[in-house]
Amino acid sequence: MPGEARSPYQTALGDDLAGLHPRLRAYFAAIPAGCVGAGEGTFSTVGTPRRWLWPPLWLLGRLGVLFPVWERDVPFTVLNTPTLDAAGHGGVAAVRTFRFRAGERRMVDAITAGPSGLVDRLGTLGLLETRLNARIVDGTLRLDSARVLLRLAGLRLVLPAFLAPTVSLTERFDDDTDSQHVRVIVSAPWLGRLYEYAGWFHYSVQERERQT
């Protein structure tokens, strides 16, 4: 329909989106106006056991990006809200609430589609930005970071490859358990795996009023 908002994934993947599992196609399609996407599940692992990384993760935690933890079986919820920029391009703002043993923490990000692929702005201030390449493999979605940028004082500073962390996401649907599964791994040159979270959830699109 002319003028209908498209999700960033529809914009970035185009006809390739049809290769996703049907339940994932619904998840990555545009959320209708007046609605939100709500999910609830459990992460089998969150964080990193490498405690020497926890001080910088503490700062990222204050920004709503990553957290200084290493926990298993963490309940969580996700709330996806559709957005629209001045040019009419659709986006998704996500809030993931982790119920850690010490209390709740929220990870926030906003994803849009740019000329060269998906753009994910991380944290409450959006100071970190990743450019993501999307591809579909056997019905699953794979996202891999192409660039990482730091947004300061109106500037976008591209981190050099030898410093920039890499982000890899796999999203799949399991028919046997009727649940969606996600796995995210953050790695860095010379250091290997820095952070991860992986788990399952159930998801549905709901009227916004049900979330108030």
Protein backbone atom coordinates (compact mmCIF):
# COMPACT_ATOMS: atom_id res chain seq x y z
CA MET A 1 0.00 0.00 0.00
CA PRO A 2 1.50 3.39 -0.97
CA GLY A 3 2.83 5.30 2.01
CA GLU A 4 2.74 2.26 4.28
CA ALA A 5 5.70 2.17 6.66
CA ARG A 6 8.19 -0.65 6.17
CA SER A 7 10.31 -2.14 8.89
CA PRO A 8 14.08 -1.61 8.62
CA TYR A 9 14.46 -5.32 7.92
CA GLN A 10 11.99 -5.17 5.03
CA THR A 11 13.94 -2.22 3.62
CA ALA A 12 17.35 -3.87 4.03
CA LEU A 13 16.41 -7.39 2.91
CA GLY A 14 13.70 -6.71 0.34
CA ASP A 15 12.41 -9.88 -1.29
CA ASP A 16 14.99 -11.95 0.61
CA LEU A 17 12.81 -11.57 3.71
CA ALA A 18 10.57 -14.29 2.23
CA GLY A 19 13.34 -16.79 3.00
CA LEU A 20 12.80 -16.43 6.74
CA HIS A 21 10.76 -18.86 8.82
CA PRO A 22 7.13 -17.58 8.67
CA ARG A 23 7.13 -16.68 12.36
CA LEU A 24 10.33 -14.69 11.92
CA ARG A 25 8.87 -12.92 8.90
CA ALA A 26 6.08 -11.70 11.15
CA TYR A 27 8.58 -10.66 13.83
CA PHE A 28 10.73 -8.63 11.44
CA ALA A 29 7.83 -7.10 9.51
CA ALA A 30 6.52 -3.62 10.31
CA ILE A 31 4.59 -3.33 13.58
CA PRO A 32 1.16 -1.82 12.84
CA ALA A 33 0.43 1.71 14.00
CA GLY A 34 -0.95 1.78 17.54
CA CYS A 35 0.68 -1.55 18.40
CA VAL A 36 3.86 -2.83 20.02
CA GLY A 37 5.69 -6.13 19.91
CA ALA A 38 6.00 -7.80 23.32
CA GLY A 39 8.05 -10.85 24.22
CA GLU A 40 8.93 -12.79 27.36
CA GLY A 41 11.40 -15.59 27.91
CA THR A 42 14.68 -16.67 29.49
CA PHE A 43 18.31 -16.12 28.59
CA SER A 44 20.37 -19.22 29.32
CA THR A 45 23.50 -17.04 29.63
CA VAL A 46 24.15 -13.30 29.89
CA GLY A 47 27.44 -11.42 30.16
CA THR A 48 31.01 -12.64 30.50
CA PRO A 49 32.92 -14.68 33.09
CA ARG A 50 36.03 -12.54 32.41
CA ARG A 51 35.77 -10.24 35.41
CA TRP A 52 38.56 -7.94 34.27
CA LEU A 53 36.09 -6.72 31.63
CA TRP A 54 33.51 -5.72 34.20
CA PRO A 55 34.80 -2.15 34.92
CA PRO A 56 34.24 -0.95 31.31
CA LEU A 57 31.00 -2.94 31.20
CA TRP A 58 29.86 -1.05 34.31
CA LEU A 59 30.04 2.18 32.28
CA LEU A 60 28.21 0.58 29.35
CA GLY A 61 25.61 -0.64 31.82
CA ARG A 62 24.97 2.93 32.94
CA LEU A 63 24.25 3.73 29.29
CA GLY A 64 21.89 0.77 28.83
CA VAL A 65 24.17 -1.18 26.47
CA LEU A 66 25.86 -4.15 28.24
CA PHE A 67 26.20 -5.18 31.88
CA PRO A 68 28.98 -6.40 34.21
CA VAL A 69 27.46 -9.80 34.94
CA TRP A 70 27.80 -13.50 34.27
CA GLU A 71 24.48 -15.18 35.02
CA ARG A 72 22.43 -18.10 33.80
CA ASP A 73 18.67 -18.58 33.44
CA VAL A 74 17.87 -14.87 33.43
CA PRO A 75 14.17 -14.01 32.87
CA PHE A 76 13.65 -11.13 30.47
CA THR A 77 11.06 -9.19 28.51
CA VAL A 78 11.39 -7.28 25.26
CA LEU A 79 9.21 -4.43 24.04
CA ASN A 80 9.52 -3.33 20.39
CA THR A 81 7.97 0.02 19.47
CA PRO A 82 7.68 1.20 15.84
CA THR A 83 9.25 4.55 14.98
CA LEU A 84 9.11 6.82 11.94
CA ASP A 85 11.71 9.41 10.97
CA ALA A 86 11.15 12.70 9.14
CA ALA A 87 11.66 10.98 5.78
CA GLY A 88 9.00 8.38 6.58
CA HIS A 89 11.46 5.52 7.09
CA GLY A 90 10.32 2.93 9.61
CA GLY A 91 12.45 1.89 12.58
CA VAL A 92 12.17 -0.13 15.77
CA ALA A 93 13.03 1.03 19.29
CA ALA A 94 13.62 -1.92 21.63
CA VAL A 95 13.79 -2.18 25.41
CA ARG A 96 15.00 -5.47 26.89
CA THR A 97 14.51 -5.81 30.63
CA PHE A 98 16.80 -8.36 32.32
CA ARG A 99 15.79 -9.65 35.75
CA PHE A 100 19.22 -10.26 37.27
CA ARG A 101 19.68 -11.54 40.80
CA ALA A 102 20.67 -8.01 41.90
CA GLY A 103 17.68 -6.39 40.21
CA GLU A 104 16.32 -5.29 36.85
CA ARG A 105 18.50 -3.69 34.16
CA ARG A 106 17.38 -2.34 30.80
CA MET A 107 19.16 -2.58 27.47
CA VAL A 108 17.91 -0.15 24.84
CA ASP A 109 18.60 0.29 21.15
CA ALA A 110 17.01 1.75 18.03
CA ILE A 111 17.42 0.18 14.61
CA THR A 112 16.83 1.81 11.23
CA ALA A 113 17.78 1.08 7.63
CA GLY A 114 20.50 3.19 6.01
CA PRO A 115 21.83 3.30 2.44
CA SER A 116 24.38 0.57 3.20
CA GLY A 117 22.28 -1.65 5.45
CA LEU A 118 20.94 -1.70 8.98
CA VAL A 119 22.01 0.91 11.53
CA ASP A 120 21.68 0.13 15.25
CA ARG A 121 22.12 2.93 17.79
CA LEU A 122 22.86 1.51 21.20
CA GLY A 123 22.10 2.80 24.66
CA THR A 124 19.98 5.53 26.16
CA LEU A 125 22.10 8.24 24.49
CA GLY A 126 22.82 6.40 21.25
CA LEU A 127 26.55 7.09 21.58
CA LEU A 128 27.49 3.76 20.00
CA GLU A 129 26.36 2.90 16.50
CA THR A 130 26.84 -0.31 14.55
CA ARG A 131 26.35 -0.85 10.83
CA LEU A 132 24.99 -4.35 10.27
CA ASN A 133 24.95 -6.66 7.28
CA ALA A 134 21.89 -8.92 7.15
CA ARG A 135 21.55 -12.30 5.47
CA ILE A 136 19.21 -15.26 5.68
CA VAL A 137 20.54 -18.79 6.09
CA ASP A 138 18.17 -21.77 6.23
CA GLY A 139 15.28 -19.68 7.48
CA THR A 140 17.30 -17.91 10.19
CA LEU A 141 18.45 -14.28 10.29
CA ARG A 142 22.15 -13.54 10.63
CA LEU A 143 23.38 -10.04 11.44
CA ASP A 144 27.09 -9.19 11.44
CA SER A 145 28.59 -5.81 12.23
CA ALA A 146 30.46 -4.11 9.39
CA ARG A 147 31.49 -0.96 11.27
CA VAL A 148 31.29 0.45 14.77
CA LEU A 149 31.05 4.20 15.29
CA LEU A 150 31.25 6.49 18.30
CA ARG A 151 28.86 9.44 18.14
CA LEU A 152 30.23 12.47 20.00
CA ALA A 153 29.42 16.18 19.68
CA GLY A 154 27.59 15.65 16.41
CA LEU A 155 30.47 13.65 14.90
CA ARG A 156 30.53 10.00 13.86
CA LEU A 157 33.95 8.53 14.57
CA VAL A 158 34.60 5.18 12.92
CA LEU A 159 36.56 2.86 15.18
CA PRO A 160 39.50 1.26 13.33
CA ALA A 161 39.19 -2.45 12.63
CA PHE A 162 41.99 -3.39 15.04
CA LEU A 163 40.06 -1.76 17.90
CA ALA A 164 36.42 -2.20 16.96
CA PRO A 165 34.41 -5.01 18.55
CA THR A 166 32.38 -7.22 16.24
CA VAL A 167 28.76 -8.15 16.85
CA SER A 168 27.15 -11.33 15.54
CA LEU A 169 23.44 -12.14 15.97
CA THR A 170 21.51 -15.26 15.03
CA GLU A 171 17.71 -15.30 15.27
CA ARG A 172 15.79 -18.52 14.58
CA PHE A 173 12.43 -20.13 15.31
CA ASP A 174 12.05 -23.59 16.85
CA ASP A 175 8.82 -25.30 15.78
CA ASP A 176 9.21 -28.08 18.35
CA THR A 177 9.06 -25.66 21.29
CA ASP A 178 7.04 -22.96 19.48
CA SER A 179 9.59 -20.37 20.60
CA GLN A 180 11.98 -17.84 19.10
CA HIS A 181 15.68 -18.16 19.86
CA VAL A 182 18.33 -15.44 19.78
CA ARG A 183 22.08 -15.51 20.28
CA VAL A 184 24.35 -12.45 20.33
CA ILE A 185 28.15 -12.61 20.58
CA VAL A 186 30.43 -9.57 20.96
CA SER A 187 34.09 -10.22 20.16
CA ALA A 188 37.24 -8.15 19.73
CA PRO A 189 40.53 -8.54 17.86
CA TRP A 190 43.20 -10.22 19.99
CA LEU A 191 40.79 -10.66 22.91
CA GLY A 192 38.19 -13.06 21.56
CA ARG A 193 34.70 -13.23 23.02
CA LEU A 194 33.86 -10.24 25.21
CA TYR A 195 30.15 -10.69 25.89
CA GLU A 196 27.21 -12.86 24.99
CA TYR A 197 23.57 -13.51 25.61
CA ALA A 198 21.45 -16.35 24.31
CA GLY A 199 17.99 -17.67 25.02
CA TRP A 200 14.39 -18.12 23.94
CA PHE A 201 11.15 -16.15 24.13
CA HIS A 202 7.52 -16.04 23.06
CA TYR A 203 6.41 -12.95 21.16
CA SER A 204 3.20 -11.31 20.00
CA VAL A 205 2.01 -7.99 18.58
CA GLN A 206 -0.39 -6.23 20.94
CA GLU A 207 -2.36 -3.02 21.07
CA ARG A 208 -0.32 -0.31 22.76
CA GLU A 209 -3.00 0.24 25.42
CA ARG A 210 -2.35 -3.25 26.83
CA GLN A 211 1.18 -2.16 27.75
CA THR A 212 0.20 0.99 29.67
